[in-house]
Amino acid sequence: MNFNITIDEESYTLEVKDELMQELENIHKDMDEEYDKGIQLGRYWIDTPDLEQRCQLTANKVVSAIHQEKVRDFYLHSSYILRKFPELKRVTVSSDFEISDIDIEV
């Protein structure tokens, strides 16, 4: 599976292999358990985040991983989004917008 993300005007593509998706399944479950407790999405606290909100928060973590050159985190968070949206075409993030404006295109 390919994870495509555009941050401002710069695009990145990451190939995430099925084996890695399987290896990270338990970590993704742990992430969901944490998200079940509620998330801070920009200025707002969301008690029961939906799938898109969970992935917007995770996409924000992808951006941080890219900027900090944390390859492991890039794979971890990208694969989470791919697990939730297997038909994902692209995630678009603009530094001009709120985290809740992150676009997840399927």
Protein backbone atom coordinates (compact mmCIF):
# COMPACT_ATOMS: atom_id res chain seq x y z
CA MET A 1 0.00 0.00 0.00
CA ASN A 2 1.16 3.52 -0.69
CA PHE A 3 0.67 6.37 1.71
CA ASN A 4 0.66 9.75 -0.05
CA ILE A 5 0.80 12.98 1.88
CA THR A 6 1.15 16.56 0.73
CA ILE A 7 2.38 19.07 3.28
CA ASP A 8 1.94 22.60 1.99
CA GLU A 9 3.30 22.12 -1.55
CA GLU A 10 5.68 19.19 -0.87
CA SER A 11 4.54 15.61 -1.53
CA TYR A 12 5.78 12.39 0.04
CA THR A 13 4.99 8.77 -0.78
CA LEU A 14 5.69 5.89 1.56
CA GLU A 15 5.27 2.25 0.62
CA VAL A 16 3.89 0.28 3.55
CA LYS A 17 4.18 -3.48 3.10
CA ASP A 18 1.49 -5.89 4.29
CA GLU A 19 3.98 -7.55 6.64
CA LEU A 20 4.55 -4.26 8.41
CA MET A 21 0.81 -3.68 8.68
CA GLN A 22 0.50 -7.05 10.43
CA GLU A 23 3.43 -6.31 12.74
CA LEU A 24 1.91 -3.01 13.82
CA GLU A 25 -1.64 -4.29 14.34
CA ASN A 26 -1.33 -4.42 18.15
CA ILE A 27 0.15 -0.94 18.30
CA HIS A 28 -2.72 0.36 16.16
CA LYS A 29 -5.17 -1.25 18.61
CA ASP A 30 -3.36 0.50 21.46
CA MET A 31 -3.66 3.79 19.60
CA ASP A 32 -7.40 3.25 19.22
CA GLU A 33 -7.74 2.51 22.93
CA GLU A 34 -6.01 5.82 23.69
CA TYR A 35 -8.19 7.67 21.17
CA ASP A 36 -11.28 6.11 22.77
CA LYS A 37 -10.49 8.20 25.84
CA GLY A 38 -10.85 11.38 23.78
CA ILE A 39 -8.43 13.52 21.77
CA GLN A 40 -7.30 17.11 21.56
CA LEU A 41 -7.93 18.17 17.96
CA GLY A 42 -6.45 21.62 17.62
CA ARG A 43 -8.29 23.90 20.01
CA TYR A 44 -11.06 21.39 20.68
CA TRP A 45 -11.40 18.40 22.95
CA ILE A 46 -13.33 15.55 21.28
CA ASP A 47 -14.79 13.04 23.74
CA THR A 48 -15.67 10.43 21.13
CA PRO A 49 -13.58 11.01 18.01
CA ASP A 50 -14.83 9.53 14.78
CA LEU A 51 -12.63 7.77 12.25
CA GLU A 52 -11.76 10.92 10.32
CA GLN A 53 -10.86 12.86 13.47
CA ARG A 54 -8.62 10.02 14.64
CA CYS A 55 -6.85 10.04 11.30
CA GLN A 56 -6.54 13.84 11.25
CA LEU A 57 -4.75 13.67 14.60
CA THR A 58 -2.57 10.84 13.33
CA ALA A 59 -1.80 12.74 10.11
CA ASN A 60 -0.57 15.60 12.27
CA LYS A 61 1.77 13.09 13.92
CA VAL A 62 2.97 12.03 10.45
CA VAL A 63 3.89 15.65 9.73
CA SER A 64 5.85 15.83 12.98
CA ALA A 65 7.64 12.58 12.16
CA ILE A 66 8.65 13.92 8.75
CA HIS A 67 9.93 17.22 10.16
CA GLN A 68 11.84 15.43 12.93
CA GLU A 69 13.10 12.74 10.52
CA LYS A 70 11.67 9.95 12.66
CA VAL A 71 11.25 7.24 10.06
CA ARG A 72 9.80 4.70 12.50
CA ASP A 73 7.04 7.11 13.54
CA PHE A 74 6.38 7.97 9.88
CA TYR A 75 5.71 4.28 9.19
CA LEU A 76 3.74 3.75 12.38
CA HIS A 77 1.32 6.64 11.89
CA SER A 78 1.04 6.27 8.13
CA SER A 79 0.14 2.62 8.49
CA TYR A 80 -2.54 3.48 11.07
CA ILE A 81 -4.25 5.77 8.56
CA LEU A 82 -3.93 3.14 5.82
CA ARG A 83 -5.50 0.56 8.11
CA LYS A 84 -8.48 2.84 8.66
CA PHE A 85 -8.70 4.00 5.04
CA PRO A 86 -7.28 1.22 2.83
CA GLU A 87 -8.48 3.05 -0.31
CA LEU A 88 -6.66 6.24 0.71
CA LYS A 89 -5.54 8.41 -2.18
CA ARG A 90 -3.89 11.31 -0.35
CA VAL A 91 -3.69 13.23 2.89
CA THR A 92 -3.31 16.98 2.45
CA VAL A 93 -2.00 19.20 5.22
CA SER A 94 -1.52 22.95 5.07
CA SER A 95 0.30 24.88 7.74
CA ASP A 96 -2.28 27.64 7.20
CA PHE A 97 -5.18 25.57 8.57
CA GLU A 98 -6.33 23.97 11.78
CA ILE A 99 -5.63 20.30 12.39
CA SER A 100 -9.35 19.66 11.89
CA ASP A 101 -8.95 20.92 8.30
CA ILE A 102 -6.55 18.12 7.33
CA ASP A 103 -8.04 16.57 4.21
CA ILE A 104 -8.20 12.78 3.92
CA GLU A 105 -9.04 11.87 0.34
CA VAL A 106 -10.36 8.37 -0.34
